[in-house]
Structure formats: C-alpha cells, structure tokens
Amino acid sequence: MKISRWIALLAITLSTAVHAQSWPNKPIKLIIPYAAGSGPDVATRPVAEQIGRILKQPVIVENLSSAGGIVGTRTVAKAAPDGYTFGFGNNITLAVNASFYSSLPYDPIKDFAPVGLLFDNPYILVAGKNFKPNSISELTAYIKQNPGKVNFASGTGVGSGSHLTGEMMKAVGALDITHVPYRSGSMALSDVVSGRVDVMFDNVNGVQQFINDGTLKAFAVTSSKRLATMPDVPTMAESGFPNFEAVAWGGIVAPKGTPDAIIKRMNEAIGLALKTPEVERANATMSLNPLASSPEAFTAFIATETKRWAETVKVSGARAE
C-alpha cells in the first residue's frame, strides 16, 4: 500500500515537472478585477505585453470589474491551477478587503500563490489652489481650529485606498475631519479642484499634472521617502505623523496549487518585463515605482500589508455596507 502510494505520488510529481517544462504552449489569461482604462488596468497592460513576448505566448488581459475587485479576484481563486490563469492583486483585493468585509468569497492568503510584485504608487495629500492652508503644518492647525468642518474626499468610496489613508491621517494626527465618499476618482478630484471639498489623498500619477500646472497644491506624500519627481513635497512621516506610510501597490498572483516551476518562470518573466524600455517608459509616465520581488517576498509583503490596513480599518470603524 505504501509503495503504491509512493508510486502514485512520483507519477504526479513527474507529470507536473513535464507540464512545467512545456509551459506555456498556449495563450495565458491575466484577470484584472477593475475596468478597462482604470489605473490598475493601464499600469498592468504594458507589463502583460512584455511578459507575453518573453514567454513567446500572448498574455490576454480580461477585465472583470465589480464589487471593489471581488468578482475578478474570486474568479482567479477558483480557476484551474494549470498556469494559464493569473490575476492582478493589489492593496485592496489582497489586504484591505480581508478586514473591511465580514466575509469574502475567497481567502486572500489561502487561495492564491503570490508570483511577484509589479509596482507601487504612493498617495499624495492635495487641495485646491484656493484652500487657505499652504502646508501640512498649516493644514493640521486649521483642522484643529475647525473641528469637524474640514472634509476629505475619497475617489471610489468607503474602503478605498484614498479613504483609508485619510482615516490613517485622522487616527495618527488625532484630527476631526469628515469623509466625503465619491463613486469615481474623477468626480472627487473635480470637486477638490473647484473647492467643493477641501482635501484628498490620491495616487501621485492621478494628480501630478494638476500639481505641475498649479491647479492643486501638494501637502505631503505617503511614501517613506520623498519623491524624486517632487523633492520639495515632504512625507507625512516628517510632517508630524510618525511612522505614516501608505502606498497603492499591485502584483500578480496565481490560483493556489499552480506548480512551483511555473510560478518561478512567471516570476522571472515579470522581472525581465519590468526592465524593458517599454515598461520603464510607461512607469515613468505614470510615476510608478517598479517592484520586482520573489514569490516569497511578495507573500510576506501581503501579510504585512494585511496587518497594517486591518489596524486602520479597525480604528476607522469602516465596514462594507
């Protein structure tokens, strides 16, 4: 009985090895759980194209956008672990949602095999040009002088990265500031520019143009270091908000059970794709920081981020409706 079981295990191992050696021999699907034209979609497509060239099989992007990325992410979790379905996962689908929702149709830790990070993009705190405060210190003082009267917008509503970063600022700074949720980033940004809403945390690539032309003023970035593209803008941590760090990030995951050899080869392809001139140009245009990583490092990173955002969700009291 033991010999038979050993032979069966050996057969499965050899079959998996042969399969991995011939992979890929047909197109690969990459599911992005956000709409075509969205930030994650635009940021990921150049990488997907280069991965296809490296692996000599097309990587076909499929957008499955609904319920804060849950539908597309669940589809990846339930896909066959054969190396022909991968998914884009980010700080929302793989970290925030774990604590924001009382239940999910997937387990961010148990249902996926992390392949590798792609990029991160810090948030930046901005206001319209006519808003009275002109620095983060002036803003903090102004909020304390006007408790409950200053508001901040979030681009895609409750539970979004911009919302929870605002909640993090409230908690760390002990500030009384009101959240105003919007259905889209463009609507929120428009009202910040016009002065209908006071401030907003948004991704750098979404607002840099407005900062450059003076339409928006920048108070602070949420990364651990200042940005090379905006060296005069301080970090939140050096502006009176100790240990403050919050960035949007994205990477590629596979269904749990995908052969390790395939995970390794896809990870290598990601690393090579991030170094191509095409992806480097795209990342520079969108102010994205490339983040090649090993599968093991990505796994550890997700665990750290899940804990970080769980603390913010708990303090904010925010829950999915």
Protein backbone atom coordinates (compact mmCIF):
# COMPACT_ATOMS: atom_id res chain seq x y z
CA MET A 1 0.00 0.00 0.00
CA LYS A 2 2.80 2.38 0.94
CA ILE A 3 4.70 1.51 -2.26
CA SER A 4 1.59 2.11 -4.39
CA ARG A 5 1.04 5.48 -2.75
CA TRP A 6 4.71 6.39 -3.31
CA ILE A 7 4.48 5.39 -6.99
CA ALA A 8 1.32 7.48 -7.41
CA LEU A 9 3.00 10.48 -5.80
CA LEU A 10 6.05 10.05 -8.02
CA ALA A 11 3.82 9.90 -11.10
CA ILE A 12 2.08 13.12 -10.13
CA THR A 13 5.42 14.82 -9.47
CA LEU A 14 6.85 13.73 -12.82
CA SER A 15 3.68 14.79 -14.64
CA THR A 16 3.84 18.22 -13.01
CA ALA A 17 7.51 18.59 -13.93
CA VAL A 18 6.87 17.68 -17.57
CA HIS A 19 3.92 20.06 -17.69
CA ALA A 20 6.02 22.88 -16.26
CA GLN A 21 8.82 22.26 -18.76
CA SER A 22 6.44 22.61 -21.71
CA TRP A 23 4.72 25.68 -20.26
CA PRO A 24 3.45 27.83 -21.83
CA ASN A 25 2.17 26.24 -25.02
CA LYS A 26 -0.96 28.38 -25.39
CA PRO A 27 -2.13 31.92 -24.51
CA ILE A 28 -2.16 32.96 -20.85
CA LYS A 29 -5.08 34.80 -19.29
CA LEU A 30 -4.45 37.67 -16.86
CA ILE A 31 -7.57 38.78 -14.99
CA ILE A 32 -7.63 42.39 -13.83
CA PRO A 33 -10.54 42.89 -11.40
CA TYR A 34 -11.02 46.50 -12.46
CA ALA A 35 -12.48 48.23 -15.51
CA ALA A 36 -10.58 48.76 -18.73
CA GLY A 37 -8.95 52.18 -18.58
CA SER A 38 -8.74 52.18 -14.78
CA GLY A 39 -5.43 52.87 -13.02
CA PRO A 40 -4.61 49.20 -12.35
CA ASP A 41 -5.54 48.27 -15.92
CA VAL A 42 -3.44 50.98 -17.57
CA ALA A 43 -0.48 50.25 -15.27
CA THR A 44 -0.53 46.48 -15.81
CA ARG A 45 -1.11 46.14 -19.56
CA PRO A 46 2.43 47.20 -20.63
CA VAL A 47 3.89 44.57 -18.29
CA ALA A 48 1.49 41.91 -19.58
CA GLU A 49 2.50 42.65 -23.17
CA GLN A 50 6.20 42.27 -22.38
CA ILE A 51 5.64 39.08 -20.39
CA GLY A 52 3.95 37.64 -23.47
CA ARG A 53 6.95 38.49 -25.63
CA ILE A 54 9.35 36.97 -23.12
CA LEU A 55 7.35 33.74 -22.78
CA LYS A 56 6.52 33.65 -26.52
CA GLN A 57 2.79 33.29 -25.83
CA PRO A 58 0.29 36.16 -25.73
CA VAL A 59 -0.93 37.31 -22.32
CA ILE A 60 -4.60 38.16 -22.79
CA VAL A 61 -5.95 40.72 -20.31
CA GLU A 62 -9.53 40.16 -19.18
CA ASN A 63 -11.25 42.88 -17.16
CA LEU A 64 -13.78 41.62 -14.61
CA SER A 65 -14.78 44.70 -12.70
CA SER A 66 -17.38 44.61 -9.93
CA ALA A 67 -17.76 44.87 -6.15
CA GLY A 68 -14.43 46.51 -5.37
CA GLY A 69 -12.43 43.91 -7.28
CA ILE A 70 -14.05 40.97 -5.50
CA VAL A 71 -15.64 39.33 -8.56
CA GLY A 72 -12.48 39.19 -10.64
CA THR A 73 -10.35 38.14 -7.68
CA ARG A 74 -12.75 35.32 -6.84
CA THR A 75 -12.57 34.15 -10.45
CA VAL A 76 -8.80 33.84 -10.18
CA ALA A 77 -9.10 31.92 -6.89
CA LYS A 78 -11.50 29.41 -8.47
CA ALA A 79 -9.54 28.96 -11.72
CA ALA A 80 -7.68 25.76 -12.58
CA PRO A 81 -4.09 25.91 -11.22
CA ASP A 82 -2.61 24.96 -14.57
CA GLY A 83 -0.51 28.05 -15.23
CA TYR A 84 -2.88 29.56 -17.78
CA THR A 85 -4.83 31.87 -15.47
CA PHE A 86 -3.22 34.58 -13.37
CA GLY A 87 -4.66 37.63 -11.68
CA PHE A 88 -3.75 41.16 -10.75
CA GLY A 89 -3.97 41.70 -6.99
CA ASN A 90 -3.43 44.90 -5.06
CA ASN A 91 -3.58 46.55 -1.65
CA ILE A 92 -7.40 46.49 -1.78
CA THR A 93 -8.17 42.97 -3.01
CA LEU A 94 -5.35 41.20 -1.15
CA ALA A 95 -5.01 43.29 2.03
CA VAL A 96 -7.80 45.77 2.82
CA ASN A 97 -10.75 43.56 1.89
CA ALA A 98 -9.69 40.91 4.41
CA SER A 99 -10.73 43.17 7.29
CA PHE A 100 -13.16 45.50 5.53
CA TYR A 101 -15.61 42.71 4.65
CA SER A 102 -17.08 40.38 7.27
CA SER A 103 -16.87 37.58 4.69
CA LEU A 104 -15.27 37.18 1.28
CA PRO A 105 -15.82 34.57 -1.46
CA TYR A 106 -12.06 33.98 -1.42
CA ASP A 107 -9.29 33.81 1.17
CA PRO A 108 -6.52 36.32 0.30
CA ILE A 109 -3.91 34.11 1.97
CA LYS A 110 -5.06 30.53 1.38
CA ASP A 111 -6.49 30.76 -2.15
CA PHE A 112 -3.53 32.29 -4.00
CA ALA A 113 0.09 31.64 -4.85
CA PRO A 114 1.78 35.08 -4.98
CA VAL A 115 4.01 35.35 -8.05
CA GLY A 116 5.60 38.78 -7.81
CA LEU A 117 5.07 42.46 -7.20
CA LEU A 118 4.86 44.84 -10.15
CA PHE A 119 4.85 48.39 -8.76
CA ASP A 120 3.75 50.75 -6.07
CA ASN A 121 2.45 54.29 -6.22
CA PRO A 122 2.23 56.48 -3.11
CA TYR A 123 -0.70 58.70 -2.28
CA ILE A 124 -0.33 62.44 -2.05
CA LEU A 125 -2.45 64.85 0.00
CA VAL A 126 -3.73 67.66 -2.18
CA ALA A 127 -6.11 70.62 -2.04
CA GLY A 128 -7.49 73.16 -4.47
CA LYS A 129 -5.33 76.23 -5.10
CA ASN A 130 -7.71 78.49 -3.18
CA PHE A 131 -7.80 76.40 0.00
CA LYS A 132 -6.45 78.54 2.86
CA PRO A 133 -3.65 76.33 4.31
CA ASN A 134 -0.48 76.14 2.23
CA SER A 135 1.46 73.43 4.08
CA ILE A 136 0.81 70.26 6.06
CA SER A 137 1.54 72.09 9.34
CA GLU A 138 -0.91 74.85 8.43
CA LEU A 139 -3.49 72.23 7.44
CA THR A 140 -3.13 70.39 10.75
CA ALA A 141 -3.54 73.63 12.70
CA TYR A 142 -6.51 74.64 10.58
CA ILE A 143 -8.29 71.32 11.17
CA LYS A 144 -7.74 71.61 14.92
CA GLN A 145 -9.09 75.15 14.88
CA ASN A 146 -12.14 73.99 12.91
CA PRO A 147 -13.02 70.51 14.24
CA GLY A 148 -15.46 68.63 12.04
CA LYS A 149 -15.64 71.39 9.45
CA VAL A 150 -12.79 70.30 7.15
CA ASN A 151 -13.59 67.39 4.83
CA PHE A 152 -11.68 64.95 2.66
CA ALA A 153 -12.84 63.15 -0.48
CA SER A 154 -12.21 59.54 -1.47
CA GLY A 155 -12.14 58.54 -5.10
CA THR A 156 -14.02 55.25 -5.03
CA GLY A 157 -15.88 55.45 -1.76
CA VAL A 158 -15.74 53.71 1.59
CA GLY A 159 -12.96 51.15 1.88
CA SER A 160 -10.85 52.56 -0.95
CA GLY A 161 -7.18 53.33 -0.55
CA SER A 162 -7.78 57.07 -0.57
CA HIS A 163 -10.47 56.73 2.10
CA LEU A 164 -8.42 54.57 4.46
CA THR A 165 -5.34 56.75 4.02
CA GLY A 166 -7.48 59.67 5.16
CA GLU A 167 -8.63 57.59 8.12
CA MET A 168 -4.99 56.84 8.91
CA MET A 169 -4.27 60.57 8.96
CA LYS A 170 -7.22 61.14 11.30
CA ALA A 171 -6.01 58.45 13.69
CA VAL A 172 -2.30 59.29 13.74
CA GLY A 173 -2.89 63.05 13.96
CA ALA A 174 -5.94 62.85 16.27
CA LEU A 175 -7.82 65.04 13.79
CA ASP A 176 -11.56 65.64 13.50
CA ILE A 177 -12.09 65.68 9.73
CA THR A 178 -15.11 64.49 7.75
CA HIS A 179 -15.06 61.86 4.98
CA VAL A 180 -16.96 62.56 1.75
CA PRO A 181 -17.15 59.41 -0.43
CA TYR A 182 -17.42 59.60 -4.22
CA ARG A 183 -18.20 56.94 -6.80
CA SER A 184 -15.26 57.82 -9.01
CA GLY A 185 -11.87 59.41 -8.67
CA SER A 186 -12.58 61.93 -11.43
CA MET A 187 -15.68 63.22 -9.64
CA ALA A 188 -13.82 63.56 -6.35
CA LEU A 189 -10.85 65.27 -7.95
CA SER A 190 -13.10 67.70 -9.80
CA ASP A 191 -14.70 68.80 -6.54
CA VAL A 192 -11.34 69.19 -4.82
CA VAL A 193 -10.08 71.35 -7.71
CA SER A 194 -13.22 73.51 -7.54
CA GLY A 195 -13.06 73.80 -3.75
CA ARG A 196 -16.33 71.99 -3.04
CA VAL A 197 -14.30 69.53 -0.97
CA ASP A 198 -11.22 70.59 0.95
CA VAL A 199 -8.56 67.89 0.58
CA MET A 200 -8.00 64.42 -0.85
CA PHE A 201 -5.44 61.64 -0.88
CA ASP A 202 -4.93 60.44 -4.45
CA ASN A 203 -2.31 58.45 -6.32
CA VAL A 204 0.58 60.59 -7.49
CA ASN A 205 0.06 59.64 -11.14
CA GLY A 206 -3.54 60.86 -10.95
CA VAL A 207 -2.76 64.39 -9.77
CA GLN A 208 0.79 65.25 -10.75
CA GLN A 209 -0.35 67.13 -13.85
CA PHE A 210 -2.66 69.32 -11.74
CA ILE A 211 0.11 69.99 -9.23
CA ASN A 212 2.52 70.95 -12.00
CA ASP A 213 0.12 73.46 -13.54
CA GLY A 214 -0.84 74.98 -10.16
CA THR A 215 -4.43 73.77 -10.14
CA LEU A 216 -3.76 71.75 -6.99
CA LYS A 217 -1.36 72.33 -4.11
CA ALA A 218 0.51 69.38 -2.64
CA PHE A 219 0.90 69.00 1.13
CA ALA A 220 2.67 65.66 1.66
CA VAL A 221 3.35 62.23 0.16
CA THR A 222 2.58 58.97 1.97
CA SER A 223 5.74 57.09 0.98
CA SER A 224 8.63 56.60 3.39
CA LYS A 225 10.87 58.84 1.27
CA ARG A 226 10.32 61.98 -0.77
CA LEU A 227 9.66 61.50 -4.47
CA ALA A 228 12.40 62.29 -6.98
CA THR A 229 9.78 63.96 -9.20
CA MET A 230 8.61 66.24 -6.34
CA PRO A 231 11.56 66.66 -3.97
CA ASP A 232 10.08 69.74 -2.29
CA VAL A 233 6.99 67.88 -1.08
CA PRO A 234 7.62 66.37 2.38
CA THR A 235 6.50 62.94 3.55
CA MET A 236 3.70 62.54 6.08
CA ALA A 237 6.20 60.95 8.47
CA GLU A 238 8.45 64.02 8.51
CA SER A 239 5.42 66.31 8.83
CA GLY A 240 4.25 65.33 12.28
CA PHE A 241 2.69 61.94 11.50
CA PRO A 242 5.14 59.35 12.91
CA ASN A 243 5.59 56.05 11.04
CA PHE A 244 2.98 57.11 8.50
CA GLU A 245 3.27 55.09 5.29
CA ALA A 246 0.55 54.10 2.83
CA VAL A 247 1.04 53.18 -0.80
CA ALA A 248 -1.07 51.62 -3.51
CA TRP A 249 0.63 48.55 -4.92
CA GLY A 250 -0.06 45.77 -7.36
CA GLY A 251 1.28 42.37 -8.28
CA ILE A 252 0.45 39.10 -9.97
CA VAL A 253 -0.98 36.05 -8.23
CA ALA A 254 -1.95 32.57 -9.38
CA PRO A 255 -4.55 30.10 -8.09
CA LYS A 256 -3.24 28.07 -5.17
CA GLY A 257 -1.75 24.80 -6.40
CA THR A 258 -0.13 26.23 -9.53
CA PRO A 259 3.17 24.30 -9.96
CA ASP A 260 6.16 25.95 -8.33
CA ALA A 261 8.18 25.67 -11.55
CA ILE A 262 5.55 27.74 -13.39
CA ILE A 263 5.41 30.29 -10.57
CA LYS A 264 9.20 30.62 -10.76
CA ARG A 265 9.24 31.04 -14.52
CA MET A 266 6.46 33.63 -14.47
CA ASN A 267 8.28 35.49 -11.71
CA GLU A 268 11.43 35.59 -13.85
CA ALA A 269 9.39 36.90 -16.78
CA ILE A 270 7.96 39.67 -14.59
CA GLY A 271 11.46 40.70 -13.52
CA LEU A 272 12.62 40.88 -17.13
CA ALA A 273 9.48 42.72 -18.25
CA LEU A 274 9.93 45.43 -15.63
CA LYS A 275 13.39 46.17 -17.06
CA THR A 276 12.26 46.59 -20.67
CA PRO A 277 12.38 50.13 -22.10
CA GLU A 278 8.65 49.96 -22.90
CA VAL A 279 7.65 49.26 -19.29
CA GLU A 280 10.20 51.68 -17.87
CA ARG A 281 8.75 54.47 -20.04
CA ALA A 282 5.19 53.58 -19.05
CA ASN A 283 6.09 53.51 -15.36
CA ALA A 284 7.88 56.85 -15.59
CA THR A 285 4.86 58.41 -17.31
CA MET A 286 2.55 57.18 -14.54
CA SER A 287 5.01 57.86 -11.67
CA LEU A 288 5.03 54.17 -10.78
CA ASN A 289 7.87 52.63 -8.82
CA PRO A 290 8.76 49.16 -10.24
CA LEU A 291 8.98 46.49 -7.54
CA ALA A 292 10.33 43.18 -8.76
CA SER A 293 10.21 40.62 -5.95
CA SER A 294 10.43 36.91 -5.30
CA PRO A 295 7.22 34.95 -4.67
CA GLU A 296 8.33 34.50 -1.05
CA ALA A 297 8.92 38.23 -0.57
CA PHE A 298 5.53 39.03 -2.10
CA THR A 299 3.87 36.55 0.26
CA ALA A 300 5.49 38.21 3.28
CA PHE A 301 4.60 41.65 1.95
CA ILE A 302 0.91 40.75 1.66
CA ALA A 303 0.90 39.55 5.28
CA THR A 304 2.48 42.81 6.47
CA GLU A 305 0.09 44.96 4.46
CA THR A 306 -2.93 42.98 5.65
CA LYS A 307 -1.98 43.70 9.25
CA ARG A 308 -1.26 47.38 8.53
CA TRP A 309 -4.62 48.02 6.88
CA ALA A 310 -6.56 45.91 9.40
CA GLU A 311 -5.44 48.30 12.12
CA THR A 312 -6.62 51.30 10.10
CA VAL A 313 -9.97 49.67 9.28
CA LYS A 314 -10.49 48.86 12.96
CA VAL A 315 -9.73 52.38 14.14
CA SER A 316 -11.88 53.96 11.44
CA GLY A 317 -14.85 51.70 12.13
CA ALA A 318 -15.36 51.41 8.37
CA ARG A 319 -17.19 48.30 7.18
CA ALA A 320 -18.65 47.19 3.88
CA GLU A 321 -22.32 48.07 3.56
